[in-house]
N, C-alpha and C. Protein backbone atom coordinates (compact mmCIF):
# COMPACT_ATOMS: atom_id res chain seq x y z
N MET A 1 -103.23 102.13 -56.42
CA MET A 1 -103.34 103.14 -55.33
C MET A 1 -103.83 102.61 -54.03
N LEU A 2 -104.67 101.62 -54.12
CA LEU A 2 -105.14 100.97 -52.85
C LEU A 2 -104.02 100.37 -52.02
N ALA A 3 -103.04 99.78 -52.62
CA ALA A 3 -101.87 99.30 -51.97
C ALA A 3 -101.04 100.26 -51.34
N HIS A 4 -101.18 101.53 -51.81
CA HIS A 4 -100.23 102.57 -51.19
C HIS A 4 -101.22 103.78 -50.75
N PRO A 5 -101.70 103.50 -49.56
CA PRO A 5 -102.60 104.66 -48.98
C PRO A 5 -102.02 106.03 -49.11
N ALA A 6 -102.79 106.97 -49.31
CA ALA A 6 -102.33 108.47 -49.51
C ALA A 6 -101.43 108.62 -50.68
N THR A 7 -101.68 107.88 -51.72
CA THR A 7 -100.84 108.20 -52.93
C THR A 7 -101.27 109.62 -53.38
N LEU A 8 -100.13 110.27 -53.77
CA LEU A 8 -100.37 111.68 -54.33
C LEU A 8 -100.62 111.61 -55.77
N VAL A 9 -101.75 112.12 -56.28
CA VAL A 9 -102.04 112.21 -57.69
C VAL A 9 -102.01 113.60 -58.11
N ILE A 10 -101.16 113.85 -59.11
CA ILE A 10 -100.94 115.17 -59.71
C ILE A 10 -101.72 115.36 -61.07
N THR A 11 -102.58 116.38 -60.99
CA THR A 11 -103.31 116.62 -62.28
C THR A 11 -102.67 117.86 -62.80
N VAL A 12 -101.93 117.75 -63.90
CA VAL A 12 -101.11 118.78 -64.48
C VAL A 12 -101.91 119.92 -65.01
N THR A 13 -102.85 119.54 -66.00
CA THR A 13 -103.70 120.55 -66.66
C THR A 13 -105.00 120.81 -65.87
N ALA A 14 -104.81 121.36 -64.73
CA ALA A 14 -106.06 121.61 -63.89
C ALA A 14 -106.14 123.12 -63.65
N GLY A 15 -105.53 123.88 -64.56
CA GLY A 15 -105.54 125.38 -64.41
C GLY A 15 -106.89 125.87 -64.90
N LYS A 16 -107.31 127.05 -64.19
CA LYS A 16 -108.64 127.63 -64.59
C LYS A 16 -108.30 128.85 -65.66
N PRO A 17 -108.95 128.58 -66.68
CA PRO A 17 -108.78 129.64 -67.78
C PRO A 17 -109.55 130.87 -67.47
N GLY A 18 -109.23 132.02 -68.16
CA GLY A 18 -109.93 133.20 -68.06
C GLY A 18 -111.32 133.04 -68.89
N PRO A 19 -111.97 134.11 -68.92
CA PRO A 19 -113.36 134.07 -69.74
C PRO A 19 -113.01 133.53 -71.19
N HIS A 20 -113.78 132.69 -71.56
CA HIS A 20 -113.78 132.09 -72.94
C HIS A 20 -114.98 131.52 -73.40
N ALA A 21 -115.20 131.27 -74.68
CA ALA A 21 -116.38 130.70 -75.22
C ALA A 21 -116.45 129.15 -74.82
N LEU A 22 -117.59 128.63 -74.59
CA LEU A 22 -117.68 127.21 -74.24
C LEU A 22 -117.02 126.39 -75.43
N THR A 23 -116.15 125.36 -75.09
CA THR A 23 -115.42 124.60 -76.06
C THR A 23 -116.34 123.46 -76.38
N ASP A 24 -116.08 122.87 -77.56
CA ASP A 24 -116.90 121.66 -78.13
C ASP A 24 -116.81 120.61 -77.01
N TRP A 25 -115.68 120.20 -76.50
CA TRP A 25 -115.57 119.15 -75.50
C TRP A 25 -116.39 119.41 -74.30
N ASP A 26 -116.28 120.66 -73.74
CA ASP A 26 -117.01 120.95 -72.50
C ASP A 26 -118.47 120.95 -72.79
N GLY A 27 -118.97 121.36 -73.99
CA GLY A 27 -120.45 121.11 -74.35
C GLY A 27 -120.85 119.75 -74.42
N LYS A 28 -120.02 118.91 -74.93
CA LYS A 28 -120.24 117.46 -75.04
C LYS A 28 -120.38 116.80 -73.64
N CYS A 29 -119.71 117.44 -72.71
CA CYS A 29 -119.71 116.86 -71.36
C CYS A 29 -120.98 117.52 -70.48
N GLY A 30 -121.72 118.19 -71.13
CA GLY A 30 -122.95 118.80 -70.43
C GLY A 30 -122.80 120.06 -69.81
N PHE A 31 -121.67 120.90 -70.07
CA PHE A 31 -121.54 122.14 -69.50
C PHE A 31 -122.19 123.23 -70.48
N HIS A 32 -122.37 124.40 -69.89
CA HIS A 32 -122.92 125.54 -70.47
C HIS A 32 -122.13 126.75 -70.39
N ASP A 33 -122.35 127.76 -71.21
CA ASP A 33 -121.50 129.02 -71.12
C ASP A 33 -121.66 129.52 -69.74
N GLY A 34 -120.55 129.92 -69.14
CA GLY A 34 -120.61 130.47 -67.91
C GLY A 34 -120.28 129.48 -66.70
N ASP A 35 -120.38 128.22 -66.97
CA ASP A 35 -120.13 127.24 -65.93
C ASP A 35 -118.62 127.22 -65.52
N ASP A 36 -118.39 126.85 -64.31
CA ASP A 36 -117.01 126.72 -63.80
C ASP A 36 -116.58 125.25 -64.07
N VAL A 37 -116.20 125.02 -65.33
CA VAL A 37 -115.91 123.69 -65.82
C VAL A 37 -114.73 123.09 -65.02
N VAL A 38 -113.63 123.85 -64.94
CA VAL A 38 -112.57 123.37 -64.13
C VAL A 38 -112.85 123.10 -62.72
N GLY A 39 -113.61 123.95 -62.06
CA GLY A 39 -114.07 123.73 -60.67
C GLY A 39 -114.84 122.43 -60.56
N ALA A 40 -115.66 122.21 -61.59
CA ALA A 40 -116.55 120.98 -61.55
C ALA A 40 -115.69 119.77 -61.61
N ARG A 41 -114.71 119.82 -62.63
CA ARG A 41 -113.77 118.70 -62.81
C ARG A 41 -112.94 118.46 -61.58
N ARG A 42 -112.47 119.47 -60.89
CA ARG A 42 -111.68 119.32 -59.74
C ARG A 42 -112.50 118.62 -58.69
N HIS A 43 -113.79 118.95 -58.55
CA HIS A 43 -114.62 118.47 -57.63
C HIS A 43 -114.83 116.91 -57.86
N GLU A 44 -114.94 116.56 -59.18
CA GLU A 44 -115.04 115.20 -59.55
C GLU A 44 -113.85 114.38 -59.26
N ASP A 45 -112.69 115.00 -59.41
CA ASP A 45 -111.38 114.47 -59.22
C ASP A 45 -111.23 114.16 -57.83
N ALA A 46 -111.53 115.10 -56.90
CA ALA A 46 -111.41 115.03 -55.51
C ALA A 46 -112.32 113.80 -55.00
N ALA A 47 -113.50 113.70 -55.60
CA ALA A 47 -114.49 112.74 -55.06
C ALA A 47 -113.95 111.31 -55.48
N ALA A 48 -113.31 111.22 -56.70
CA ALA A 48 -112.76 109.82 -57.15
C ALA A 48 -111.59 109.46 -56.33
N LEU A 49 -110.77 110.31 -56.05
CA LEU A 49 -109.53 110.09 -55.32
C LEU A 49 -109.77 109.81 -53.82
N LYS A 50 -110.95 110.40 -53.33
CA LYS A 50 -111.35 110.01 -51.86
C LYS A 50 -111.76 108.53 -51.89
N VAL A 51 -112.33 108.11 -52.94
CA VAL A 51 -112.75 106.65 -52.94
C VAL A 51 -111.51 105.81 -52.92
N LEU A 52 -110.44 106.19 -53.57
CA LEU A 52 -109.15 105.51 -53.61
C LEU A 52 -108.33 105.76 -52.46
N GLY A 53 -108.65 106.64 -51.60
CA GLY A 53 -107.82 106.97 -50.33
C GLY A 53 -106.61 107.80 -50.82
N ALA A 54 -106.63 108.50 -52.01
CA ALA A 54 -105.54 109.20 -52.50
C ALA A 54 -105.64 110.71 -52.20
N ARG A 55 -104.55 111.38 -52.27
CA ARG A 55 -104.50 112.88 -52.17
C ARG A 55 -104.25 113.51 -53.63
N HIS A 56 -104.64 114.75 -53.74
CA HIS A 56 -104.37 115.48 -55.00
C HIS A 56 -103.60 116.65 -54.92
N VAL A 57 -102.99 116.96 -56.05
CA VAL A 57 -102.32 118.29 -56.30
C VAL A 57 -102.80 118.64 -57.69
N TRP A 58 -103.36 119.82 -57.70
CA TRP A 58 -103.69 120.41 -59.07
C TRP A 58 -102.80 121.47 -59.49
N LEU A 59 -102.18 121.26 -60.62
CA LEU A 59 -101.25 122.30 -61.10
C LEU A 59 -101.99 123.17 -61.98
N ASP A 60 -101.53 124.41 -62.23
CA ASP A 60 -102.31 125.43 -62.82
C ASP A 60 -101.99 125.54 -64.39
N PHE A 61 -101.57 124.53 -65.02
CA PHE A 61 -101.39 124.59 -66.42
C PHE A 61 -102.72 124.33 -67.11
N LEU A 62 -102.80 124.90 -68.36
CA LEU A 62 -104.23 124.85 -68.97
C LEU A 62 -104.26 123.60 -69.79
N ASP A 63 -105.42 123.00 -69.84
CA ASP A 63 -105.78 122.11 -70.82
C ASP A 63 -105.74 122.71 -72.20
N HIS A 64 -105.29 121.92 -73.18
CA HIS A 64 -104.92 122.48 -74.39
C HIS A 64 -106.20 123.08 -75.03
N GLN A 65 -107.38 122.84 -74.70
CA GLN A 65 -108.54 123.40 -75.35
C GLN A 65 -108.79 124.78 -74.88
N TYR A 66 -108.07 125.24 -73.71
CA TYR A 66 -108.28 126.56 -73.24
C TYR A 66 -107.13 127.55 -73.71
N GLY A 67 -106.12 127.01 -74.23
CA GLY A 67 -105.06 128.03 -74.77
C GLY A 67 -103.74 127.23 -75.02
N PRO A 68 -102.80 128.00 -75.30
CA PRO A 68 -101.52 127.33 -75.59
C PRO A 68 -100.98 126.49 -74.43
N GLN A 69 -100.26 125.38 -74.78
CA GLN A 69 -99.63 124.54 -73.84
C GLN A 69 -98.31 125.22 -73.33
N ALA A 70 -98.05 124.97 -72.11
CA ALA A 70 -96.81 125.49 -71.57
C ALA A 70 -95.61 124.74 -72.08
N PRO A 71 -94.51 125.17 -71.91
CA PRO A 71 -93.31 124.46 -72.42
C PRO A 71 -92.97 123.19 -71.51
N VAL A 72 -92.59 122.09 -72.13
CA VAL A 72 -92.23 120.93 -71.50
C VAL A 72 -91.32 121.20 -70.19
N ALA A 73 -90.30 122.05 -70.44
CA ALA A 73 -89.40 122.33 -69.24
C ALA A 73 -90.04 122.92 -68.14
N GLN A 74 -91.04 123.82 -68.28
CA GLN A 74 -91.90 124.47 -67.26
C GLN A 74 -92.66 123.49 -66.54
N ILE A 75 -93.31 122.56 -67.27
CA ILE A 75 -94.11 121.53 -66.61
C ILE A 75 -93.25 120.49 -65.95
N ALA A 76 -92.05 120.16 -66.46
CA ALA A 76 -91.18 119.26 -65.81
C ALA A 76 -90.79 119.81 -64.55
N ALA A 77 -90.47 121.15 -64.43
CA ALA A 77 -90.00 121.72 -63.18
C ALA A 77 -91.06 121.66 -62.08
N ALA A 78 -92.36 121.88 -62.47
CA ALA A 78 -93.46 121.79 -61.55
C ALA A 78 -93.63 120.39 -60.98
N ILE A 79 -93.53 119.44 -61.95
CA ILE A 79 -93.72 118.01 -61.61
C ILE A 79 -92.49 117.59 -60.63
N GLU A 80 -91.31 118.00 -60.96
CA GLU A 80 -90.15 117.66 -60.19
C GLU A 80 -90.31 118.18 -58.79
N GLN A 81 -90.91 119.34 -58.64
CA GLN A 81 -91.05 119.91 -57.26
C GLN A 81 -92.13 119.14 -56.60
N ALA A 82 -93.26 118.72 -57.23
CA ALA A 82 -94.31 118.09 -56.57
C ALA A 82 -93.97 116.65 -56.21
N VAL A 83 -93.00 116.03 -56.79
CA VAL A 83 -92.60 114.65 -56.53
C VAL A 83 -91.28 114.53 -55.70
N ALA A 84 -90.86 115.69 -55.21
CA ALA A 84 -89.62 115.73 -54.51
C ALA A 84 -89.43 114.71 -53.39
N GLY A 85 -90.36 114.46 -52.55
CA GLY A 85 -90.41 113.49 -51.51
C GLY A 85 -90.80 112.08 -51.81
N CYS A 86 -91.13 111.83 -53.06
CA CYS A 86 -91.66 110.49 -53.43
C CYS A 86 -90.55 109.55 -53.88
N ASP A 87 -90.74 108.22 -53.51
CA ASP A 87 -89.86 107.33 -53.99
C ASP A 87 -90.19 106.62 -55.25
N GLU A 88 -91.53 106.56 -55.41
CA GLU A 88 -92.11 106.03 -56.70
C GLU A 88 -92.98 106.90 -57.36
N VAL A 89 -92.94 107.04 -58.70
CA VAL A 89 -93.73 107.97 -59.45
C VAL A 89 -94.29 107.11 -60.67
N ALA A 90 -95.62 107.39 -60.87
CA ALA A 90 -96.26 106.81 -62.08
C ALA A 90 -96.59 107.94 -63.05
N SER A 91 -96.44 107.65 -64.30
CA SER A 91 -96.73 108.69 -65.40
C SER A 91 -97.34 107.98 -66.56
N PRO A 92 -98.07 108.75 -67.26
CA PRO A 92 -98.69 108.25 -68.51
C PRO A 92 -97.72 107.97 -69.57
N LEU A 93 -97.98 107.04 -70.59
CA LEU A 93 -97.07 106.82 -71.61
C LEU A 93 -97.12 107.97 -72.53
N GLY A 94 -98.29 108.63 -72.66
CA GLY A 94 -98.40 109.83 -73.44
C GLY A 94 -99.01 109.41 -74.83
N LEU A 95 -100.12 108.82 -74.83
CA LEU A 95 -100.79 108.27 -76.00
C LEU A 95 -101.88 109.16 -76.56
N GLY A 96 -101.84 109.52 -77.76
CA GLY A 96 -102.95 110.32 -78.47
C GLY A 96 -103.25 111.61 -78.06
N HIS A 97 -103.64 111.88 -76.88
CA HIS A 97 -104.16 113.21 -76.58
C HIS A 97 -102.98 114.24 -76.30
N ASP A 98 -103.20 115.38 -76.81
CA ASP A 98 -102.06 116.45 -76.70
C ASP A 98 -101.54 116.65 -75.23
N ASP A 99 -102.51 116.72 -74.32
CA ASP A 99 -102.12 116.93 -72.87
C ASP A 99 -101.37 115.81 -72.31
N HIS A 100 -101.81 114.61 -72.66
CA HIS A 100 -101.11 113.33 -72.16
C HIS A 100 -99.73 113.27 -72.65
N VAL A 101 -99.52 113.51 -74.00
CA VAL A 101 -98.21 113.57 -74.67
C VAL A 101 -97.28 114.52 -73.97
N LEU A 102 -97.88 115.75 -73.74
CA LEU A 102 -97.06 116.86 -73.07
C LEU A 102 -96.62 116.38 -71.66
N VAL A 103 -97.51 115.96 -70.90
CA VAL A 103 -97.28 115.57 -69.48
C VAL A 103 -96.22 114.41 -69.40
N ALA A 104 -96.40 113.40 -70.40
CA ALA A 104 -95.46 112.37 -70.48
C ALA A 104 -94.15 112.87 -70.73
N ALA A 105 -94.01 113.69 -71.72
CA ALA A 105 -92.66 114.23 -72.17
C ALA A 105 -92.03 114.91 -70.89
N ALA A 106 -92.76 115.72 -70.12
CA ALA A 106 -92.27 116.31 -68.92
C ALA A 106 -91.86 115.32 -67.85
N CYS A 107 -92.60 114.24 -67.69
CA CYS A 107 -92.23 113.22 -66.76
C CYS A 107 -90.99 112.47 -67.14
N PHE A 108 -90.84 112.25 -68.48
CA PHE A 108 -89.52 111.52 -68.91
C PHE A 108 -88.32 112.41 -68.59
N GLU A 109 -88.39 113.76 -68.77
CA GLU A 109 -87.38 114.64 -68.37
C GLU A 109 -87.04 114.52 -66.90
N VAL A 110 -87.96 114.46 -66.08
CA VAL A 110 -87.83 114.44 -64.65
C VAL A 110 -87.30 112.98 -64.35
N ALA A 111 -87.72 111.93 -64.95
CA ALA A 111 -87.17 110.55 -64.71
C ALA A 111 -85.74 110.43 -65.11
N ARG A 112 -85.21 111.06 -66.11
CA ARG A 112 -83.96 111.12 -66.52
C ARG A 112 -83.03 111.74 -65.43
N ARG A 113 -83.59 112.87 -64.94
CA ARG A 113 -82.88 113.60 -63.82
C ARG A 113 -82.86 112.88 -62.53
N HIS A 114 -83.85 112.00 -62.27
CA HIS A 114 -83.99 111.24 -61.00
C HIS A 114 -84.08 109.81 -61.16
N PRO A 115 -82.99 109.12 -61.51
CA PRO A 115 -83.04 107.70 -61.64
C PRO A 115 -83.14 107.00 -60.30
N ASP A 116 -83.02 107.72 -59.28
CA ASP A 116 -83.12 107.20 -57.82
C ASP A 116 -84.55 106.82 -57.57
N LYS A 117 -85.49 107.35 -58.30
CA LYS A 117 -86.97 107.10 -57.96
C LYS A 117 -87.34 105.97 -59.00
N ARG A 118 -88.27 105.24 -58.46
CA ARG A 118 -88.91 104.09 -59.29
C ARG A 118 -89.95 104.71 -60.16
N TRP A 119 -89.79 104.65 -61.46
CA TRP A 119 -90.78 105.28 -62.53
C TRP A 119 -91.62 104.13 -63.00
N VAL A 120 -92.84 104.28 -62.79
CA VAL A 120 -93.95 103.35 -63.35
C VAL A 120 -94.64 104.04 -64.50
N LEU A 121 -94.78 103.46 -65.61
CA LEU A 121 -95.54 103.91 -66.72
C LEU A 121 -96.81 103.23 -66.81
N TYR A 122 -97.88 103.90 -67.18
CA TYR A 122 -99.14 103.21 -67.45
C TYR A 122 -99.72 103.61 -68.81
N GLU A 123 -100.58 102.77 -69.30
CA GLU A 123 -101.36 103.05 -70.54
C GLU A 123 -102.37 104.02 -70.34
N ASP A 124 -102.45 105.06 -71.13
CA ASP A 124 -103.47 106.10 -71.12
C ASP A 124 -104.83 105.47 -71.45
N VAL A 125 -105.66 105.39 -70.48
CA VAL A 125 -107.10 104.87 -70.69
C VAL A 125 -107.71 105.72 -71.85
N ILE A 126 -108.51 104.95 -72.58
CA ILE A 126 -109.19 105.53 -73.73
C ILE A 126 -108.17 105.57 -74.96
N TYR A 127 -107.14 106.27 -74.81
CA TYR A 127 -106.15 106.57 -75.87
C TYR A 127 -105.37 105.28 -76.24
N ARG A 128 -105.38 104.33 -75.31
CA ARG A 128 -104.54 103.15 -75.56
C ARG A 128 -105.31 102.22 -76.62
N GLN A 129 -106.56 102.55 -76.91
CA GLN A 129 -107.32 101.79 -77.91
C GLN A 129 -106.70 102.06 -79.41
N THR A 130 -105.89 103.07 -79.54
CA THR A 130 -105.33 103.35 -80.85
C THR A 130 -104.44 102.17 -81.26
N PHE A 131 -104.70 101.58 -82.37
CA PHE A 131 -103.94 100.35 -82.73
C PHE A 131 -102.46 100.71 -82.86
N GLY A 132 -101.70 99.86 -82.06
CA GLY A 132 -100.23 99.98 -81.98
C GLY A 132 -99.60 101.15 -81.13
N GLY A 133 -100.50 102.00 -80.56
CA GLY A 133 -100.02 103.13 -79.85
C GLY A 133 -99.28 102.88 -78.82
N THR A 134 -99.48 101.85 -77.94
CA THR A 134 -98.85 101.54 -76.80
C THR A 134 -97.36 101.04 -77.12
N GLU A 135 -97.33 100.03 -78.05
CA GLU A 135 -96.10 99.45 -78.52
C GLU A 135 -95.20 100.57 -79.10
N GLN A 136 -95.79 101.34 -79.85
CA GLN A 136 -94.90 102.54 -80.48
C GLN A 136 -94.32 103.40 -79.48
N ALA A 137 -95.15 103.78 -78.34
CA ALA A 137 -94.54 104.68 -77.37
C ALA A 137 -93.46 103.97 -76.53
N ILE A 138 -93.66 102.66 -76.29
CA ILE A 138 -92.58 101.95 -75.64
C ILE A 138 -91.30 101.95 -76.45
N GLU A 139 -91.50 101.74 -77.78
CA GLU A 139 -90.33 101.70 -78.63
C GLU A 139 -89.67 103.03 -78.68
N ARG A 140 -90.39 104.09 -78.81
CA ARG A 140 -89.80 105.50 -78.71
C ARG A 140 -89.09 105.75 -77.55
N LEU A 141 -89.51 105.27 -76.36
CA LEU A 141 -88.69 105.43 -75.13
C LEU A 141 -87.49 104.63 -75.16
N ARG A 142 -87.48 103.50 -75.63
CA ARG A 142 -86.21 102.77 -75.91
C ARG A 142 -85.26 103.36 -76.64
N GLN A 143 -85.75 103.93 -77.86
CA GLN A 143 -84.85 104.71 -78.78
C GLN A 143 -84.28 105.94 -78.10
N ARG A 144 -84.97 106.50 -77.10
CA ARG A 144 -84.45 107.61 -76.32
C ARG A 144 -83.49 107.20 -75.22
N GLY A 145 -83.16 105.90 -75.16
CA GLY A 145 -82.25 105.47 -74.13
C GLY A 145 -82.79 104.96 -72.83
N PHE A 146 -84.17 104.82 -72.72
CA PHE A 146 -84.79 104.31 -71.47
C PHE A 146 -84.87 102.91 -71.60
N ALA A 147 -84.53 102.07 -70.57
CA ALA A 147 -84.70 100.79 -70.37
C ALA A 147 -86.04 100.52 -69.72
N VAL A 148 -86.87 99.92 -70.60
CA VAL A 148 -88.35 99.86 -70.07
C VAL A 148 -88.74 98.33 -70.00
N GLU A 149 -89.25 97.96 -68.97
CA GLU A 149 -89.66 96.56 -68.78
C GLU A 149 -91.07 96.41 -68.13
N PRO A 150 -91.89 95.41 -68.60
CA PRO A 150 -93.26 95.25 -68.03
C PRO A 150 -93.13 94.95 -66.53
N VAL A 151 -94.06 95.39 -65.80
CA VAL A 151 -94.27 95.03 -64.40
C VAL A 151 -95.73 94.76 -64.16
N PHE A 152 -95.99 93.75 -63.25
CA PHE A 152 -97.40 93.34 -63.04
C PHE A 152 -97.75 93.61 -61.57
N TYR A 153 -98.98 94.05 -61.41
CA TYR A 153 -99.47 94.30 -59.97
C TYR A 153 -100.62 93.45 -59.72
N THR A 154 -100.75 93.13 -58.54
CA THR A 154 -101.95 92.26 -58.05
C THR A 154 -102.98 93.24 -57.65
N LEU A 155 -104.23 93.05 -58.17
CA LEU A 155 -105.33 93.80 -57.73
C LEU A 155 -105.72 93.77 -56.38
N VAL A 156 -105.80 94.85 -55.75
CA VAL A 156 -106.11 95.05 -54.25
C VAL A 156 -107.44 95.78 -54.19
N GLY A 157 -108.49 94.95 -53.91
CA GLY A 157 -109.82 95.59 -53.93
C GLY A 157 -110.36 95.82 -55.26
N ASP A 158 -111.54 96.23 -55.37
CA ASP A 158 -112.11 96.57 -56.72
C ASP A 158 -112.98 97.81 -56.60
N VAL A 159 -112.43 98.84 -56.25
CA VAL A 159 -113.19 100.12 -56.19
C VAL A 159 -113.02 100.96 -57.42
N LYS A 160 -112.38 100.53 -58.35
CA LYS A 160 -112.18 101.30 -59.51
C LYS A 160 -113.40 101.78 -60.17
N PRO A 161 -114.40 100.94 -60.42
CA PRO A 161 -115.71 101.36 -60.88
C PRO A 161 -116.32 102.49 -60.07
N SER A 162 -116.26 102.47 -58.83
CA SER A 162 -116.85 103.46 -57.95
C SER A 162 -116.04 104.74 -58.11
N ALA A 163 -114.77 104.73 -58.36
CA ALA A 163 -114.00 105.92 -58.54
C ALA A 163 -114.37 106.51 -59.93
N ILE A 164 -114.45 105.66 -61.06
CA ILE A 164 -114.80 106.13 -62.37
C ILE A 164 -116.01 106.87 -62.42
N ILE A 165 -117.09 106.33 -61.79
CA ILE A 165 -118.38 106.97 -61.84
C ILE A 165 -118.46 108.40 -61.22
N ARG A 166 -117.36 108.76 -60.49
CA ARG A 166 -117.31 110.13 -59.90
C ARG A 166 -117.01 111.22 -61.04
N TYR A 167 -116.52 110.72 -62.10
CA TYR A 167 -116.12 111.61 -63.21
C TYR A 167 -117.36 111.85 -64.13
N THR A 168 -118.40 112.35 -63.56
CA THR A 168 -119.70 112.46 -64.15
C THR A 168 -119.58 113.17 -65.58
N SER A 169 -118.87 114.31 -65.65
CA SER A 169 -118.92 115.05 -66.88
C SER A 169 -118.13 114.30 -67.99
N GLN A 170 -117.08 113.56 -67.60
CA GLN A 170 -116.23 112.95 -68.49
C GLN A 170 -117.04 111.72 -69.13
N LEU A 171 -117.90 111.05 -68.25
CA LEU A 171 -118.67 109.86 -68.63
C LEU A 171 -119.70 110.39 -69.75
N ILE A 172 -120.26 111.50 -69.54
CA ILE A 172 -121.15 112.07 -70.52
C ILE A 172 -120.54 112.37 -71.89
N GLY A 173 -119.31 112.97 -71.80
CA GLY A 173 -118.56 113.27 -73.12
C GLY A 173 -118.05 112.06 -73.74
N LEU A 174 -117.53 111.07 -73.05
CA LEU A 174 -116.88 110.00 -73.60
C LEU A 174 -117.92 108.92 -74.20
N GLY A 175 -119.04 108.81 -73.62
CA GLY A 175 -120.06 107.91 -74.10
C GLY A 175 -119.49 106.40 -73.93
N ALA A 176 -119.58 105.57 -74.90
CA ALA A 176 -119.25 104.22 -74.93
C ALA A 176 -117.63 103.99 -74.81
N LEU A 177 -116.90 105.06 -75.17
CA LEU A 177 -115.44 104.94 -75.08
C LEU A 177 -115.02 104.78 -73.58
N VAL A 178 -115.76 105.11 -72.63
CA VAL A 178 -115.47 105.01 -71.29
C VAL A 178 -115.40 103.50 -70.81
N ASP A 179 -115.90 102.63 -71.61
CA ASP A 179 -115.81 101.17 -71.33
C ASP A 179 -114.35 100.67 -71.12
N ASP A 180 -113.44 101.44 -71.93
CA ASP A 180 -112.06 100.99 -71.78
C ASP A 180 -111.52 101.31 -70.40
N ALA A 181 -112.04 102.24 -69.76
CA ALA A 181 -111.60 102.61 -68.38
C ALA A 181 -111.75 101.49 -67.31
N TYR A 182 -112.68 100.71 -67.58
CA TYR A 182 -113.00 99.49 -66.70
C TYR A 182 -112.10 98.23 -66.93
N GLU A 183 -111.29 98.33 -67.99
CA GLU A 183 -110.40 97.29 -68.31
C GLU A 183 -109.07 97.34 -67.50
N PRO A 184 -108.43 96.30 -67.27
CA PRO A 184 -107.10 96.35 -66.55
C PRO A 184 -106.06 97.20 -67.40
N GLU A 185 -105.21 97.87 -66.72
CA GLU A 185 -104.13 98.63 -67.35
C GLU A 185 -102.88 97.75 -67.43
N ARG A 186 -101.97 98.12 -68.34
CA ARG A 186 -100.60 97.49 -68.32
C ARG A 186 -99.75 98.53 -67.94
N TYR A 187 -98.51 98.06 -67.25
CA TYR A 187 -97.57 98.86 -66.51
C TYR A 187 -96.14 98.46 -66.95
N TRP A 188 -95.24 99.40 -66.86
CA TRP A 188 -93.89 99.23 -67.29
C TRP A 188 -93.00 99.96 -66.27
N ILE A 189 -91.91 99.55 -65.84
CA ILE A 189 -90.96 100.40 -65.10
C ILE A 189 -89.83 100.80 -66.00
N ILE A 190 -89.32 102.02 -65.63
CA ILE A 190 -88.04 102.58 -66.31
C ILE A 190 -86.93 102.04 -65.35
N GLN A 191 -86.06 101.21 -66.00
CA GLN A 191 -84.96 100.68 -65.11
C GLN A 191 -83.71 101.70 -65.22
N SER A 192 -83.16 101.99 -64.12
CA SER A 192 -82.04 102.91 -64.14
C SER A 192 -80.70 102.07 -64.32
């Protein structure tokens, strides 16, 4: 992102739920009943992206812990609209976490409709630790007809740790698992 100032980062599951009981995950992250959890997470997101010189768009879909997930087609339509003016789009591989899998599926739909854009895939931090998960996800994409090749990026500056620490609540909830976030990611491009 540092190599591309003003990168647009879309958080798909940034919707604010109605009144609900405190979820286990939100409790592990240090929140209490009645806290504006999504508001706090948006604040953390904005602070981290500021460090990276990136812009944000928060879509109003709910995190799976707050209610049923939206259909893939609905999420794909929102993503397609958000990336309309972009030449390059990065999306998660969709490893492990329900929300990541859903967002990745929506991105792959949009990628299929827009081969004119450069699509970069990245390993989902934390969830990539699952043995074989990354390779299996790449193979599933190939079976669906996507040509996927590794791509390598040169590190430009090292502000990643400074951005990571802005996600205070996630650091509390993840504990030692967050160590994976400090490791380099691997990337692939979808070739048209």
